[in-house]
Amino acid sequence: QVQLVESGGGLVQPGGSLRLSCAASRSISSFNVMGWYRQAPGKERELVATITSGGGTNYADFVKGRFTISRDNAKNTVCLQMDSLKPEDTAVYYCNGAIIFYGTHNYWGQGTQVTVSS
């Protein structure tokens, strides 16, 4: 069974930074795409950033220039560096891994809370 475990969330002031990590129980090279999503209270879960097995990245417009997604295949870890944080970035952040094989199989972490407040 695949497990994704997030860490690094917390409380930060506006303009501050946090680094989220997602550790996988299997080689992340086996995932076609890995990414970060977030869900704020009363809102739908939304895409934040993705990274493919080839290293290609994609970002939601609202984080472009502020967040950076990266992967370390040797450590089976995907990270999200979040800079210039805003109060509207407050949400639970989820790690996702997708395997495309006779359909798309999605795996999710349990989520980590990020709160941006003064």
N, C-alpha and C. Protein backbone atom coordinates (compact mmCIF):
# COMPACT_ATOMS: atom_id res chain seq x y z
N GLN A 1 0.84 -1.18 0.00
CA GLN A 1 0.00 0.00 0.00
C GLN A 1 0.88 1.23 0.00
N VAL A 2 0.52 2.19 -0.84
CA VAL A 2 1.31 3.40 -0.96
C VAL A 2 0.94 4.37 0.15
N GLN A 3 1.93 4.95 0.78
CA GLN A 3 1.70 5.98 1.80
C GLN A 3 2.47 7.24 1.44
N LEU A 4 1.80 8.37 1.59
CA LEU A 4 2.41 9.68 1.42
C LEU A 4 2.25 10.42 2.73
N VAL A 5 3.35 10.93 3.27
CA VAL A 5 3.31 11.60 4.56
C VAL A 5 3.87 13.01 4.42
N GLU A 6 3.01 14.00 4.71
CA GLU A 6 3.43 15.39 4.62
C GLU A 6 3.99 15.88 5.95
N SER A 7 4.85 16.86 5.87
CA SER A 7 5.38 17.52 7.06
C SER A 7 5.78 18.95 6.68
N GLY A 8 5.98 19.78 7.71
CA GLY A 8 6.48 21.12 7.47
C GLY A 8 5.47 22.24 7.59
N GLY A 9 4.21 21.90 7.82
CA GLY A 9 3.21 22.94 7.98
C GLY A 9 3.37 23.68 9.30
N GLY A 10 2.60 24.75 9.46
CA GLY A 10 2.67 25.50 10.70
C GLY A 10 2.10 26.89 10.54
N LEU A 11 2.40 27.72 11.53
CA LEU A 11 1.93 29.11 11.54
C LEU A 11 3.07 30.02 11.12
N VAL A 12 2.78 30.91 10.20
CA VAL A 12 3.80 31.84 9.72
C VAL A 12 3.16 33.20 9.49
N GLN A 13 3.93 34.25 9.62
CA GLN A 13 3.42 35.60 9.39
C GLN A 13 3.37 35.89 7.89
N PRO A 14 2.50 36.80 7.49
CA PRO A 14 2.47 37.21 6.08
C PRO A 14 3.84 37.66 5.62
N GLY A 15 4.21 37.22 4.41
CA GLY A 15 5.53 37.52 3.87
C GLY A 15 6.58 36.50 4.22
N GLY A 16 6.23 35.57 5.11
CA GLY A 16 7.17 34.56 5.53
C GLY A 16 7.24 33.37 4.59
N SER A 17 8.02 32.36 5.00
CA SER A 17 8.24 31.18 4.17
C SER A 17 8.03 29.90 4.97
N LEU A 18 7.63 28.86 4.25
CA LEU A 18 7.56 27.51 4.81
C LEU A 18 7.99 26.54 3.72
N ARG A 19 8.49 25.40 4.16
CA ARG A 19 8.86 24.35 3.22
C ARG A 19 8.13 23.08 3.61
N LEU A 20 7.27 22.60 2.72
CA LEU A 20 6.55 21.36 2.94
C LEU A 20 7.29 20.21 2.29
N SER A 21 7.25 19.06 2.96
CA SER A 21 7.85 17.85 2.41
C SER A 21 6.83 16.73 2.37
N CYS A 22 6.96 15.88 1.37
CA CYS A 22 6.10 14.71 1.22
C CYS A 22 7.00 13.51 1.02
N ALA A 23 6.96 12.59 1.98
CA ALA A 23 7.77 11.38 1.90
C ALA A 23 6.89 10.22 1.45
N ALA A 24 7.37 9.51 0.44
CA ALA A 24 6.62 8.38 -0.11
C ALA A 24 7.18 7.05 0.39
N SER A 25 6.28 6.07 0.50
CA SER A 25 6.69 4.75 0.99
C SER A 25 7.24 3.88 -0.13
N ARG A 26 7.21 4.42 -1.34
CA ARG A 26 7.79 3.71 -2.47
C ARG A 26 8.54 4.70 -3.32
N SER A 27 9.26 4.21 -4.29
CA SER A 27 10.02 5.11 -5.16
C SER A 27 9.10 6.09 -5.86
N ILE A 28 9.42 7.39 -5.75
CA ILE A 28 8.58 8.39 -6.41
C ILE A 28 8.74 8.34 -7.92
N SER A 29 9.76 7.65 -8.39
CA SER A 29 9.91 7.49 -9.83
C SER A 29 8.78 6.66 -10.43
N SER A 30 8.08 5.92 -9.58
CA SER A 30 6.97 5.11 -10.05
C SER A 30 5.71 5.94 -10.29
N PHE A 31 5.71 7.18 -9.79
CA PHE A 31 4.56 8.06 -10.01
C PHE A 31 4.79 8.87 -11.29
N ASN A 32 3.78 8.93 -12.13
CA ASN A 32 3.89 9.74 -13.34
C ASN A 32 3.91 11.23 -13.00
N VAL A 33 3.09 11.59 -12.03
CA VAL A 33 2.99 12.98 -11.60
C VAL A 33 2.86 13.02 -10.09
N MET A 34 3.53 13.96 -9.47
CA MET A 34 3.32 14.23 -8.05
C MET A 34 2.99 15.71 -7.90
N GLY A 35 2.22 16.01 -6.86
CA GLY A 35 1.81 17.39 -6.74
C GLY A 35 1.33 17.75 -5.35
N TRP A 36 1.03 19.02 -5.22
CA TRP A 36 0.47 19.57 -3.99
C TRP A 36 -0.87 20.22 -4.31
N TYR A 37 -1.84 19.94 -3.47
CA TYR A 37 -3.16 20.54 -3.55
C TYR A 37 -3.44 21.19 -2.20
N ARG A 38 -4.44 22.05 -2.17
CA ARG A 38 -4.81 22.65 -0.89
C ARG A 38 -6.32 22.82 -0.79
N GLN A 39 -6.79 22.85 0.43
CA GLN A 39 -8.23 23.04 0.66
C GLN A 39 -8.41 23.96 1.85
N ALA A 40 -9.03 25.10 1.59
CA ALA A 40 -9.35 26.05 2.64
C ALA A 40 -10.75 25.76 3.16
N PRO A 41 -11.07 26.18 4.37
CA PRO A 41 -12.40 25.92 4.94
C PRO A 41 -13.51 26.43 4.03
N GLY A 42 -14.47 25.57 3.74
CA GLY A 42 -15.60 25.96 2.92
C GLY A 42 -15.33 26.03 1.44
N LYS A 43 -14.13 25.62 1.03
CA LYS A 43 -13.78 25.69 -0.39
C LYS A 43 -13.42 24.31 -0.92
N GLU A 44 -13.42 24.20 -2.26
CA GLU A 44 -13.03 22.97 -2.91
C GLU A 44 -11.51 22.80 -2.85
N ARG A 45 -11.08 21.55 -2.93
CA ARG A 45 -9.65 21.30 -3.02
C ARG A 45 -9.16 21.80 -4.38
N GLU A 46 -8.01 22.46 -4.38
CA GLU A 46 -7.49 23.03 -5.62
C GLU A 46 -6.03 22.69 -5.83
N LEU A 47 -5.66 22.64 -7.11
CA LEU A 47 -4.28 22.35 -7.47
C LEU A 47 -3.38 23.52 -7.11
N VAL A 48 -2.21 23.20 -6.55
CA VAL A 48 -1.21 24.23 -6.27
C VAL A 48 -0.05 24.11 -7.25
N ALA A 49 0.53 22.90 -7.33
CA ALA A 49 1.67 22.69 -8.22
C ALA A 49 1.84 21.21 -8.47
N THR A 50 2.38 20.86 -9.64
CA THR A 50 2.68 19.48 -9.96
C THR A 50 4.07 19.38 -10.57
N ILE A 51 4.62 18.17 -10.50
CA ILE A 51 5.91 17.89 -11.12
C ILE A 51 5.85 16.47 -11.68
N THR A 52 6.28 16.33 -12.94
CA THR A 52 6.22 15.03 -13.59
C THR A 52 7.47 14.21 -13.28
N SER A 53 7.43 12.95 -13.68
CA SER A 53 8.60 12.10 -13.48
C SER A 53 9.80 12.61 -14.27
N GLY A 54 9.54 13.37 -15.31
CA GLY A 54 10.62 13.95 -16.10
C GLY A 54 11.09 15.30 -15.59
N GLY A 55 10.43 15.80 -14.55
CA GLY A 55 10.85 17.07 -13.95
C GLY A 55 10.07 18.29 -14.42
N GLY A 56 9.12 18.10 -15.31
CA GLY A 56 8.31 19.22 -15.76
C GLY A 56 7.39 19.71 -14.66
N THR A 57 7.26 21.03 -14.55
CA THR A 57 6.45 21.60 -13.46
C THR A 57 5.29 22.41 -14.00
N ASN A 58 4.27 22.52 -13.14
CA ASN A 58 3.09 23.31 -13.47
C ASN A 58 2.61 23.96 -12.18
N TYR A 59 2.21 25.24 -12.27
CA TYR A 59 1.79 25.97 -11.08
C TYR A 59 0.45 26.65 -11.32
N ALA A 60 -0.34 26.72 -10.26
CA ALA A 60 -1.54 27.54 -10.31
C ALA A 60 -1.12 29.00 -10.40
N ASP A 61 -1.93 29.79 -11.09
CA ASP A 61 -1.57 31.20 -11.28
C ASP A 61 -1.35 31.93 -9.96
N PHE A 62 -2.11 31.57 -8.94
CA PHE A 62 -2.04 32.31 -7.68
C PHE A 62 -0.77 32.04 -6.88
N VAL A 63 0.07 31.07 -7.33
CA VAL A 63 1.33 30.82 -6.62
C VAL A 63 2.55 31.02 -7.50
N LYS A 64 2.35 31.33 -8.76
CA LYS A 64 3.48 31.52 -9.67
C LYS A 64 4.40 32.62 -9.16
N GLY A 65 5.68 32.30 -9.13
CA GLY A 65 6.67 33.26 -8.66
C GLY A 65 6.88 33.25 -7.16
N ARG A 66 6.02 32.53 -6.43
CA ARG A 66 6.14 32.48 -4.97
C ARG A 66 6.46 31.08 -4.46
N PHE A 67 5.91 30.06 -5.12
CA PHE A 67 6.10 28.68 -4.68
C PHE A 67 6.97 27.93 -5.69
N THR A 68 7.74 26.96 -5.18
CA THR A 68 8.57 26.13 -6.05
C THR A 68 8.43 24.67 -5.63
N ILE A 69 8.08 23.82 -6.59
CA ILE A 69 7.98 22.39 -6.32
C ILE A 69 9.25 21.71 -6.81
N SER A 70 9.70 20.71 -6.06
CA SER A 70 10.90 19.98 -6.44
C SER A 70 10.78 18.53 -5.99
N ARG A 71 11.60 17.69 -6.55
CA ARG A 71 11.58 16.28 -6.18
C ARG A 71 13.00 15.78 -6.00
N ASP A 72 13.17 14.86 -5.05
CA ASP A 72 14.45 14.22 -4.80
C ASP A 72 14.22 12.72 -4.91
N ASN A 73 14.55 12.15 -6.05
CA ASN A 73 14.27 10.73 -6.28
C ASN A 73 15.05 9.84 -5.31
N ALA A 74 16.24 10.26 -4.94
CA ALA A 74 17.06 9.45 -4.03
C ALA A 74 16.42 9.35 -2.64
N LYS A 75 15.72 10.41 -2.24
CA LYS A 75 15.09 10.43 -0.91
C LYS A 75 13.61 10.12 -0.98
N ASN A 76 13.09 9.88 -2.20
CA ASN A 76 11.66 9.63 -2.38
C ASN A 76 10.82 10.72 -1.75
N THR A 77 11.20 11.95 -2.02
CA THR A 77 10.56 13.10 -1.40
C THR A 77 10.23 14.16 -2.44
N VAL A 78 9.07 14.78 -2.26
CA VAL A 78 8.67 15.93 -3.06
C VAL A 78 8.47 17.10 -2.09
N CYS A 79 9.00 18.25 -2.44
CA CYS A 79 8.93 19.41 -1.56
C CYS A 79 8.22 20.57 -2.24
N LEU A 80 7.66 21.43 -1.40
CA LEU A 80 7.04 22.66 -1.87
C LEU A 80 7.61 23.80 -1.05
N GLN A 81 8.44 24.62 -1.68
CA GLN A 81 8.98 25.80 -1.03
C GLN A 81 8.00 26.94 -1.24
N MET A 82 7.51 27.50 -0.15
CA MET A 82 6.51 28.55 -0.22
C MET A 82 7.09 29.85 0.35
N ASP A 83 7.21 30.84 -0.49
CA ASP A 83 7.74 32.15 -0.09
C ASP A 83 6.67 33.22 -0.28
N SER A 84 6.90 34.37 0.35
CA SER A 84 5.97 35.50 0.24
C SER A 84 4.54 35.05 0.54
N LEU A 85 4.38 34.33 1.61
CA LEU A 85 3.07 33.78 1.95
C LEU A 85 2.07 34.88 2.28
N LYS A 86 0.82 34.61 1.91
CA LYS A 86 -0.28 35.54 2.13
C LYS A 86 -1.34 34.87 3.00
N PRO A 87 -2.16 35.66 3.69
CA PRO A 87 -3.23 35.05 4.49
C PRO A 87 -4.13 34.13 3.68
N GLU A 88 -4.34 34.44 2.42
CA GLU A 88 -5.19 33.59 1.59
C GLU A 88 -4.55 32.26 1.21
N ASP A 89 -3.29 32.07 1.57
CA ASP A 89 -2.64 30.76 1.38
C ASP A 89 -2.98 29.80 2.52
N THR A 90 -3.68 30.28 3.53
CA THR A 90 -4.06 29.43 4.64
C THR A 90 -4.97 28.32 4.17
N ALA A 91 -4.56 27.08 4.46
CA ALA A 91 -5.31 25.90 4.00
C ALA A 91 -4.63 24.65 4.53
N VAL A 92 -5.31 23.53 4.35
CA VAL A 92 -4.65 22.24 4.53
C VAL A 92 -4.03 21.85 3.19
N TYR A 93 -2.76 21.53 3.22
CA TYR A 93 -2.03 21.18 2.00
C TYR A 93 -1.85 19.66 1.93
N TYR A 94 -2.21 19.10 0.77
CA TYR A 94 -2.17 17.67 0.56
C TYR A 94 -1.16 17.30 -0.53
N CYS A 95 -0.42 16.25 -0.27
CA CYS A 95 0.47 15.68 -1.27
C CYS A 95 -0.30 14.66 -2.09
N ASN A 96 -0.05 14.64 -3.37
CA ASN A 96 -0.71 13.70 -4.28
C ASN A 96 0.32 13.01 -5.15
N GLY A 97 0.09 11.73 -5.38
CA GLY A 97 0.88 10.98 -6.34
C GLY A 97 -0.06 10.27 -7.30
N ALA A 98 0.20 10.38 -8.59
CA ALA A 98 -0.68 9.77 -9.59
C ALA A 98 0.11 8.79 -10.44
N ILE A 99 -0.45 7.60 -10.58
CA ILE A 99 0.12 6.57 -11.45
C ILE A 99 -0.86 6.34 -12.58
N ILE A 100 -0.39 6.54 -13.79
CA ILE A 100 -1.23 6.38 -14.97
C ILE A 100 -0.94 5.02 -15.58
N PHE A 101 -1.86 4.09 -15.40
CA PHE A 101 -1.72 2.72 -15.88
C PHE A 101 -3.11 2.14 -15.95
N TYR A 102 -3.63 1.98 -17.17
CA TYR A 102 -5.02 1.57 -17.32
C TYR A 102 -5.91 2.47 -16.47
N GLY A 103 -5.76 3.74 -16.67
CA GLY A 103 -6.50 4.72 -15.89
C GLY A 103 -5.55 5.45 -14.94
N THR A 104 -6.10 6.41 -14.21
CA THR A 104 -5.28 7.19 -13.28
C THR A 104 -5.58 6.77 -11.85
N HIS A 105 -4.53 6.41 -11.13
CA HIS A 105 -4.67 5.98 -9.75
C HIS A 105 -4.05 7.05 -8.87
N ASN A 106 -4.86 7.68 -8.04
CA ASN A 106 -4.41 8.77 -7.20
C ASN A 106 -4.19 8.32 -5.76
N TYR A 107 -3.11 8.80 -5.18
CA TYR A 107 -2.80 8.52 -3.79
C TYR A 107 -2.62 9.86 -3.07
N TRP A 108 -3.13 9.92 -1.83
CA TRP A 108 -3.14 11.18 -1.09
C TRP A 108 -2.50 11.01 0.29
N GLY A 109 -1.85 12.07 0.73
CA GLY A 109 -1.40 12.12 2.10
C GLY A 109 -2.53 12.58 3.01
N GLN A 110 -2.23 12.69 4.29
CA GLN A 110 -3.26 13.06 5.27
C GLN A 110 -3.44 14.57 5.38
N GLY A 111 -2.51 15.32 4.83
CA GLY A 111 -2.59 16.78 4.85
C GLY A 111 -1.81 17.41 5.98
N THR A 112 -1.37 18.63 5.74
CA THR A 112 -0.67 19.40 6.77
C THR A 112 -1.21 20.84 6.74
N GLN A 113 -1.48 21.37 7.93
CA GLN A 113 -2.09 22.70 8.03
C GLN A 113 -1.05 23.79 7.86
N VAL A 114 -1.38 24.75 7.01
CA VAL A 114 -0.58 25.96 6.86
C VAL A 114 -1.46 27.15 7.21
N THR A 115 -1.02 27.94 8.16
CA THR A 115 -1.77 29.12 8.58
C THR A 115 -0.88 30.34 8.46
N VAL A 116 -1.36 31.31 7.69
CA VAL A 116 -0.62 32.55 7.49
C VAL A 116 -1.40 33.67 8.18
N SER A 117 -0.82 34.16 9.26
CA SER A 117 -1.52 35.15 10.06
C SER A 117 -0.53 35.94 10.89
N SER A 118 -0.88 37.21 11.13
CA SER A 118 -0.05 38.03 12.01
C SER A 118 -0.56 37.98 13.44
